[in-house]
Amino acid sequence: MLVTGGASFIGSHLVEALVARGAHVRVADDFSSGRVGNLGLVASDVEVLQVDLKDGSTAAAACRSVEVVFHLAADHGGRGYVDLHQAACATNFGLDQAVFNAALAARVEKVVFASSGCVYPLCIQGDPAVETYLTEEMVGPPFEPDGLYGLAKLAGELSLRALHREHGLGAASCRYFTVYGPRGVENHAVMAMIARAVLREDPFAVWGTGQQIRNWTHVDDIVAGTIAAAERVDDGTAVNLGTTERVRVLDAVGMVCALEGYQPEIRLQPEMPTGPLNRVADNSLARDLLGWQPRVSFADGVRRTFEWYKATQDPKAVRARLPGLLTGRPRAEMPVAAVP
């Protein structure tokens, strides 16, 4: 198995799960946001390559002798990053095509693509008072994805369908919805909330009006759904991986502050990036097609994530890095290895 972006937050959890199943795993990561430390106890059991997969020859070498590619690598970040760094997110077009072409040339059996809820039309996500659940068939002409990040994910899905139809490449796309959990980075909303609470910020900054609705999905459920898609989907079908829990941002803030044991003043920042006001998945196709459903409730998942964060993060270091991460990405690590 090849896991691109395998040293990242989600990727490292996927690598752990694959190794636990007895898979031989190669990780390809440029370490712009991934960390060797994320691989923990399985680091010695995997082949780790520090590579730029946008280069076709490098992607070809990474795909050599691989049966299944889990393509999670992307230029990405939280809402502050994807809204304010559109040019960087546009590099995902080239990255995805390089990996797909390399997989096809290497006669890989299947590519499992980490897509996103950002592929859904913005026009149907504008009213938090309407109980809307996004179903897979809502993505279609005249496409209106969420910025260049969403457009690149949409292009990746459509490319894989074409590669299956025209060349027989096995493919599946998993639309991830607002993932959180241990090893998450503070440039995503839940992790930023937890960081602010651990620092006992008062007033507590909340981007937007706080009325935004999300369905935060625990990384364990995302990994289980991704593996199920690899096992059960071949034709490029895109499947939502997300809970149907509708959680208001202000309510999530209240939960993390309660875990820290304080009640700060809330300072709303409507001028900051917020994204769609109402994004929640319908996961009935995943239940029917994959036999998958989320098992971690938001209340349980955020508690577990909070406990991990408190146990592993130094508040002084968090205070120093948080302002830059809210609209950026972690710094790259030192080189690890080169493609042979």
Protein backbone atom coordinates (compact mmCIF):
# COMPACT_ATOMS: atom_id res chain seq x y z
CA MET A 1 0.00 0.00 0.00
CA LEU A 2 1.11 3.55 -0.75
CA VAL A 3 -0.28 6.31 1.48
CA THR A 4 0.49 9.76 0.13
CA GLY A 5 0.47 12.33 2.90
CA GLY A 6 0.92 9.38 5.24
CA ALA A 7 2.75 11.36 7.93
CA SER A 8 -0.09 13.86 8.23
CA PHE A 9 -2.91 13.88 10.78
CA ILE A 10 -5.38 11.65 8.91
CA GLY A 11 -2.73 9.82 6.90
CA SER A 12 -0.83 8.62 9.95
CA HIS A 13 -3.98 7.14 11.49
CA LEU A 14 -4.68 5.36 8.20
CA VAL A 15 -1.13 4.00 8.10
CA GLU A 16 -1.52 2.62 11.63
CA ALA A 17 -4.76 0.87 10.69
CA LEU A 18 -3.25 -0.65 7.54
CA VAL A 19 -0.17 -1.89 9.39
CA ALA A 20 -2.43 -3.43 12.04
CA ARG A 21 -4.14 -5.37 9.22
CA GLY A 22 -0.79 -6.74 8.07
CA ALA A 23 -0.27 -4.49 5.06
CA HIS A 24 3.16 -3.49 3.77
CA VAL A 25 2.96 0.31 3.70
CA ARG A 26 5.00 2.96 1.95
CA VAL A 27 4.51 6.58 3.05
CA ALA A 28 5.19 9.39 0.57
CA ASP A 29 5.06 12.85 2.12
CA ASP A 30 6.75 16.19 1.48
CA PHE A 31 6.54 16.99 5.21
CA SER A 32 5.10 20.42 4.61
CA SER A 33 2.58 19.54 7.32
CA GLY A 34 3.29 15.88 8.15
CA ARG A 35 5.62 14.76 10.91
CA VAL A 36 7.63 11.59 11.36
CA GLY A 37 6.50 11.64 14.98
CA ASN A 38 2.90 11.10 13.85
CA LEU A 39 3.85 7.59 12.75
CA GLY A 40 4.82 6.69 16.31
CA LEU A 41 5.30 3.01 17.00
CA VAL A 42 4.70 1.95 13.38
CA ALA A 43 7.49 4.12 11.95
CA SER A 44 9.89 1.19 11.89
CA ASP A 45 7.33 -0.94 10.04
CA VAL A 46 6.85 1.39 7.07
CA GLU A 47 8.97 2.79 4.27
CA VAL A 48 9.05 6.59 4.60
CA LEU A 49 9.93 8.80 1.64
CA GLN A 50 10.22 12.57 1.65
CA VAL A 51 9.20 13.48 -1.90
CA ASP A 52 7.42 16.10 -3.98
CA LEU A 53 4.72 14.08 -5.74
CA LYS A 54 3.96 16.88 -8.18
CA ASP A 55 7.04 15.68 -10.05
CA GLY A 56 5.96 12.91 -12.42
CA SER A 57 9.12 10.83 -12.14
CA THR A 58 9.02 11.01 -8.35
CA ALA A 59 5.36 10.00 -8.30
CA ALA A 60 6.19 7.10 -10.63
CA ALA A 61 8.92 5.86 -8.29
CA ALA A 62 6.60 6.13 -5.28
CA CYS A 63 3.94 4.03 -7.05
CA ARG A 64 6.37 1.30 -8.09
CA SER A 65 5.36 -2.20 -6.92
CA VAL A 66 2.21 -0.87 -5.22
CA GLU A 67 -1.22 -2.55 -5.32
CA VAL A 68 -3.37 0.19 -3.76
CA VAL A 69 -2.75 3.93 -3.52
CA PHE A 70 -4.47 5.90 -0.78
CA HIS A 71 -4.03 9.45 -2.04
CA LEU A 72 -4.34 11.86 0.89
CA ALA A 73 -1.52 14.28 0.03
CA ALA A 74 -2.69 17.83 -0.66
CA ASP A 75 -1.88 21.44 -0.07
CA HIS A 76 -4.52 22.09 2.55
CA GLY A 77 -5.31 23.66 5.88
CA GLY A 78 -8.21 24.98 7.87
CA ARG A 79 -10.71 27.58 6.75
CA GLY A 80 -8.25 30.42 7.26
CA TYR A 81 -5.74 28.69 5.01
CA VAL A 82 -7.97 27.55 2.14
CA ASP A 83 -9.69 30.94 1.92
CA LEU A 84 -6.52 33.03 2.06
CA HIS A 85 -4.12 30.78 0.11
CA GLN A 86 -6.06 29.96 -3.04
CA ALA A 87 -2.96 29.89 -5.26
CA ALA A 88 -1.32 27.30 -3.01
CA CYS A 89 -4.47 25.14 -3.04
CA ALA A 90 -4.49 25.30 -6.85
CA THR A 91 -1.28 23.25 -6.90
CA ASN A 92 -3.45 20.25 -5.98
CA PHE A 93 -4.60 20.00 -9.61
CA GLY A 94 -1.08 19.08 -10.71
CA LEU A 95 -0.39 16.93 -7.66
CA ASP A 96 -3.46 14.76 -8.15
CA GLN A 97 -2.91 14.26 -11.87
CA ALA A 98 0.75 13.30 -11.31
CA VAL A 99 -0.25 10.66 -8.75
CA PHE A 100 -3.13 9.31 -10.87
CA ASN A 101 -0.99 9.07 -14.00
CA ALA A 102 1.79 7.35 -12.07
CA ALA A 103 -0.67 4.87 -10.57
CA LEU A 104 -2.07 4.06 -14.00
CA ALA A 105 1.39 3.58 -15.51
CA ALA A 106 2.45 1.35 -12.59
CA ARG A 107 -0.66 -0.82 -13.09
CA VAL A 108 -1.87 -0.10 -9.58
CA GLU A 109 -5.08 -1.99 -8.85
CA LYS A 110 -6.92 0.86 -7.17
CA VAL A 111 -6.65 4.51 -6.14
CA VAL A 112 -8.62 5.67 -3.10
CA PHE A 113 -8.86 9.45 -3.15
CA ALA A 114 -9.36 11.69 -0.13
CA SER A 115 -11.95 14.14 -1.41
CA SER A 116 -13.88 16.67 0.64
CA GLY A 117 -17.25 18.15 1.50
CA CYS A 118 -15.85 21.21 -0.26
CA VAL A 119 -17.03 19.73 -3.59
CA TYR A 120 -20.67 20.54 -2.74
CA PRO A 121 -22.36 23.61 -4.25
CA LEU A 122 -22.11 26.64 -2.00
CA CYS A 123 -25.59 27.79 -3.00
CA ILE A 124 -27.24 25.00 -0.98
CA GLN A 125 -25.21 25.58 2.19
CA GLY A 126 -26.18 29.13 3.08
CA ASP A 127 -28.92 28.92 5.72
CA PRO A 128 -28.10 27.33 9.09
CA ALA A 129 -31.79 27.38 10.02
CA VAL A 130 -32.61 24.85 7.27
CA GLU A 131 -31.99 21.20 8.18
CA THR A 132 -30.12 20.21 5.02
CA TYR A 133 -28.16 16.99 4.49
CA LEU A 134 -25.84 16.83 1.51
CA THR A 135 -26.31 13.74 -0.68
CA GLU A 136 -23.75 12.58 -3.22
CA GLU A 137 -25.89 13.33 -6.29
CA MET A 138 -26.05 17.02 -5.35
CA VAL A 139 -22.60 17.39 -6.92
CA GLY A 140 -23.16 17.99 -10.62
CA PRO A 141 -23.52 20.65 -13.32
CA PRO A 142 -23.40 23.61 -12.96
CA PHE A 143 -20.73 22.78 -10.36
CA GLU A 144 -20.14 25.37 -7.60
CA PRO A 145 -17.48 23.95 -5.25
CA ASP A 146 -15.91 25.74 -2.30
CA GLY A 147 -12.98 27.72 -3.73
CA LEU A 148 -9.99 26.34 -5.59
CA TYR A 149 -9.47 23.68 -2.94
CA GLY A 150 -12.96 22.32 -3.59
CA LEU A 151 -12.55 22.66 -7.34
CA ALA A 152 -9.34 20.61 -7.26
CA LYS A 153 -11.06 17.89 -5.21
CA LEU A 154 -13.93 17.85 -7.69
CA ALA A 155 -11.47 17.57 -10.58
CA GLY A 156 -9.78 14.67 -8.81
CA GLU A 157 -13.07 12.80 -8.45
CA LEU A 158 -14.02 13.34 -12.09
CA SER A 159 -10.55 12.32 -13.28
CA LEU A 160 -10.71 9.05 -11.38
CA ARG A 161 -14.13 8.24 -12.82
CA ALA A 162 -12.75 8.86 -16.30
CA LEU A 163 -9.69 6.72 -15.62
CA HIS A 164 -11.92 3.88 -14.48
CA ARG A 165 -14.24 4.22 -17.45
CA GLU A 166 -11.53 4.60 -20.10
CA HIS A 167 -8.65 2.56 -18.64
CA GLY A 168 -10.20 0.22 -16.08
CA LEU A 169 -8.38 1.70 -13.08
CA GLY A 170 -10.07 0.75 -9.84
CA ALA A 171 -11.04 3.89 -7.96
CA ALA A 172 -13.01 5.29 -5.05
CA SER A 173 -13.44 8.81 -3.68
CA CYS A 174 -14.14 9.51 0.00
CA ARG A 175 -15.66 12.89 0.78
CA TYR A 176 -14.32 13.78 4.22
CA PHE A 177 -16.36 16.11 6.40
CA THR A 178 -14.55 18.29 8.96
CA VAL A 179 -12.23 15.71 10.50
CA TYR A 180 -10.83 16.08 14.02
CA GLY A 181 -9.05 13.93 16.59
CA PRO A 182 -5.62 13.24 18.13
CA ARG A 183 -2.72 14.65 16.06
CA GLY A 184 -5.03 17.23 14.55
CA VAL A 185 -3.54 20.65 13.86
CA GLU A 186 -4.77 23.93 15.29
CA ASN A 187 -5.49 25.40 11.85
CA HIS A 188 -8.74 23.41 11.90
CA ALA A 189 -11.72 24.59 13.93
CA VAL A 190 -12.09 21.97 16.67
CA MET A 191 -8.36 21.89 17.35
CA ALA A 192 -8.23 25.69 17.42
CA MET A 193 -11.12 25.73 19.91
CA ILE A 194 -9.36 23.21 22.13
CA ALA A 195 -6.11 25.19 21.95
CA ARG A 196 -7.88 28.41 22.96
CA ALA A 197 -9.57 26.61 25.85
CA VAL A 198 -6.33 25.02 27.08
CA LEU A 199 -4.80 28.51 27.04
CA ARG A 200 -7.92 29.72 28.90
CA GLU A 201 -8.36 32.60 26.48
CA ASP A 202 -10.77 35.21 27.77
CA PRO A 203 -12.30 36.68 25.73
CA PHE A 204 -12.57 33.61 23.53
CA ALA A 205 -12.41 34.44 19.81
CA VAL A 206 -14.98 32.78 17.52
CA TRP A 207 -14.78 33.35 13.78
CA GLY A 208 -18.04 34.35 12.12
CA THR A 209 -21.34 34.62 13.96
CA GLY A 210 -20.94 31.27 15.70
CA GLN A 211 -24.18 30.07 14.12
CA GLN A 212 -22.38 27.99 11.48
CA ILE A 213 -23.44 24.33 11.44
CA ARG A 214 -20.93 21.52 10.96
CA ASN A 215 -20.79 17.73 11.35
CA TRP A 216 -17.34 17.17 12.80
CA THR A 217 -16.25 13.57 12.20
CA HIS A 218 -13.72 11.70 14.32
CA VAL A 219 -10.59 10.47 12.56
CA ASP A 220 -11.20 6.86 13.65
CA ASP A 221 -14.47 6.84 11.72
CA ILE A 222 -12.83 8.47 8.71
CA VAL A 223 -10.12 5.79 8.61
CA ALA A 224 -12.65 2.97 8.93
CA GLY A 225 -14.70 4.41 6.06
CA THR A 226 -11.64 4.91 3.86
CA ILE A 227 -10.59 1.28 4.24
CA ALA A 228 -14.16 0.12 3.61
CA ALA A 229 -14.19 2.15 0.38
CA ALA A 230 -10.94 0.47 -0.69
CA GLU A 231 -12.53 -2.91 -0.11
CA ARG A 232 -15.93 -2.29 -1.69
CA VAL A 233 -15.75 0.42 -4.39
CA ASP A 234 -14.04 0.04 -7.77
CA ASP A 235 -15.86 2.33 -10.22
CA GLY A 236 -14.86 5.77 -8.92
CA THR A 237 -18.05 6.31 -6.92
CA ALA A 238 -17.78 9.16 -4.42
CA VAL A 239 -19.06 8.45 -0.92
CA ASN A 240 -19.69 10.83 1.97
CA LEU A 241 -17.82 10.04 5.18
CA GLY A 242 -19.38 12.21 7.84
CA THR A 243 -21.75 12.12 10.77
CA THR A 244 -25.27 13.49 10.61
CA GLU A 245 -24.84 15.34 13.91
CA ARG A 246 -25.63 19.00 13.38
CA VAL A 247 -23.33 20.94 15.71
CA ARG A 248 -23.40 24.71 15.96
CA VAL A 249 -19.99 26.36 16.33
CA LEU A 250 -21.02 28.17 19.52
CA ASP A 251 -22.19 24.90 21.04
CA ALA A 252 -18.86 23.25 20.21
CA VAL A 253 -17.09 26.17 21.89
CA GLY A 254 -19.24 25.69 24.96
CA MET A 255 -18.30 22.01 25.11
CA VAL A 256 -14.54 22.56 24.98
CA CYS A 257 -14.69 25.39 27.52
CA ALA A 258 -16.70 23.16 29.86
CA LEU A 259 -14.00 20.49 29.52
CA GLU A 260 -11.43 23.09 30.61
CA GLY A 261 -13.75 24.21 33.41
CA TYR A 262 -14.23 27.89 32.66
CA GLN A 263 -16.79 30.24 31.07
CA PRO A 264 -15.07 32.95 29.04
CA GLU A 265 -16.59 35.93 27.33
CA ILE A 266 -17.24 35.06 23.67
CA ARG A 267 -15.93 37.55 21.12
CA LEU A 268 -17.44 37.04 17.67
CA GLN A 269 -15.30 37.92 14.65
CA PRO A 270 -17.67 38.06 11.63
CA GLU A 271 -14.92 39.53 9.44
CA MET A 272 -12.85 36.33 9.62
CA PRO A 273 -13.16 33.38 7.17
CA THR A 274 -16.07 31.11 8.07
CA GLY A 275 -16.91 28.98 5.04
CA PRO A 276 -20.43 27.71 4.34
CA LEU A 277 -22.98 28.32 7.06
CA ASN A 278 -24.64 24.91 6.84
CA ARG A 279 -22.54 21.87 5.88
CA VAL A 280 -23.69 18.43 7.06
CA ALA A 281 -23.41 15.09 5.24
CA ASP A 282 -26.03 12.53 4.44
CA ASN A 283 -24.25 9.21 4.99
CA SER A 284 -26.92 6.76 3.83
CA LEU A 285 -24.90 5.76 0.74
CA ALA A 286 -21.91 4.86 2.94
CA ARG A 287 -24.19 2.74 5.12
CA ASP A 288 -25.64 0.94 2.10
CA LEU A 289 -22.50 0.62 -0.03
CA LEU A 290 -19.77 0.26 2.59
CA GLY A 291 -21.61 -1.07 5.62
CA TRP A 292 -20.16 1.98 7.40
CA GLN A 293 -21.57 4.34 9.95
CA PRO A 294 -19.83 6.68 12.38
CA ARG A 295 -19.35 5.21 15.85
CA VAL A 296 -17.84 8.17 17.71
CA SER A 297 -20.28 10.83 18.85
CA PHE A 298 -19.08 14.41 18.84
CA ALA A 299 -19.39 14.68 22.62
CA ASP A 300 -17.23 11.59 23.14
CA GLY A 301 -14.78 12.44 20.36
CA VAL A 302 -14.16 15.99 21.48
CA ARG A 303 -13.61 14.81 25.06
CA ARG A 304 -11.06 12.23 23.91
CA THR A 305 -9.34 14.76 21.68
CA PHE A 306 -9.25 17.34 24.48
CA GLU A 307 -7.69 14.80 26.85
CA TRP A 308 -5.04 13.90 24.25
CA TYR A 309 -4.25 17.56 23.65
CA LYS A 310 -3.91 18.36 27.36
CA ALA A 311 -1.64 15.35 27.86
CA THR A 312 0.68 15.99 24.90
CA GLN A 313 0.86 19.74 24.20
CA ASP A 314 2.95 22.35 26.00
CA PRO A 315 0.84 25.49 26.57
CA LYS A 316 3.84 27.78 26.00
CA ALA A 317 4.51 26.19 22.63
CA VAL A 318 0.82 26.34 21.74
CA ARG A 319 0.67 30.04 22.60
CA ALA A 320 3.67 30.71 20.36
CA ARG A 321 2.46 28.80 17.29
CA LEU A 322 -1.31 29.35 17.40
CA PRO A 323 -1.51 32.81 15.74
CA GLY A 324 0.43 31.66 12.69
CA LEU A 325 -1.41 28.35 12.37
CA LEU A 326 -4.88 29.88 12.32
CA THR A 327 -4.29 30.99 8.74
CA GLY A 328 -1.25 28.87 7.80
CA ARG A 329 0.32 25.43 7.93
CA PRO A 330 2.93 23.79 10.19
CA ARG A 331 6.56 24.23 9.21
CA ALA A 332 8.32 21.46 7.30
CA GLU A 333 10.57 19.00 9.09
CA MET A 334 14.10 18.06 8.13
CA PRO A 335 14.47 15.62 5.22
CA VAL A 336 13.78 11.96 5.90
CA ALA A 337 14.78 10.00 2.81
CA ALA A 338 14.79 10.13 -0.96
CA VAL A 339 13.07 7.94 -3.51
CA PRO A 340 15.54 5.23 -4.52
